[in-house]
């Protein structure tokens, strides 16, 4: 006559005492010879989600701190009166980025370069200036002027126009001036003759240093369009 061992606990018939001592194993769980759970590769995969979330959160916090510090730096420097640009290159590179400066000279429009593609980042460029309004139709009365919604503006994507500027007190010495943003349809200088200023002029600006190197540099010599400022100036303008 067969008996049932611990029927109230196990709820099923057992063939021997060994079945009572054997640990309960879940489907898909790996155990070693001692009956302990084995840590497998899938357990490490479960750590990826919290670690990734923590890393992204930390990166966002650091990025926010960097942006706040940059905004504070810009707000402190831009209102200050412009200073004359130092005569030697070493002193110029020692200036803080966004330091206002003033220079006098003339543009060399024959060697201008377009840097892009770039998106417009302001809504305060007046009609007829270097912005999405450049070369577009006059807005109707009562229409709010905006780079992103300007009447006749085809797109918010375009290029920065960077033009060599020969200093008046140092003939043969050039600096690079970012003259502003233009839409893609106006990359031809012929359609923006108003911006081709001739003769000596005095301009105020701020010091800017080179952008980070792009992962996909693209230099189109036929259109004078590039993504890397220093690289394109070296290849197309022959200044560096």
Foldseek 3Di string as FASTA:
>chain_A
DDDADPCVVPVDRDDDVVVVPQDDDDPPFDADPVRHTDDDPVNVVVVPVVVVVVVVVVVVVVVVVVVVVVVVVLVVAQVDDADAQDPDPVVNVPDDFNHKHKFKFWWDVVQKAWADFDFDDFFPDDACAAALNNLADQADPPDDRGRCDGVRRDHRTFTWIWIWTAGPVDGPDTDIDGRHHHHHVPLPVVSNVVPNDGDMDMDMGTHDDFDDDDPDWDADQVSRYTHGVVVSCVVRVVPD
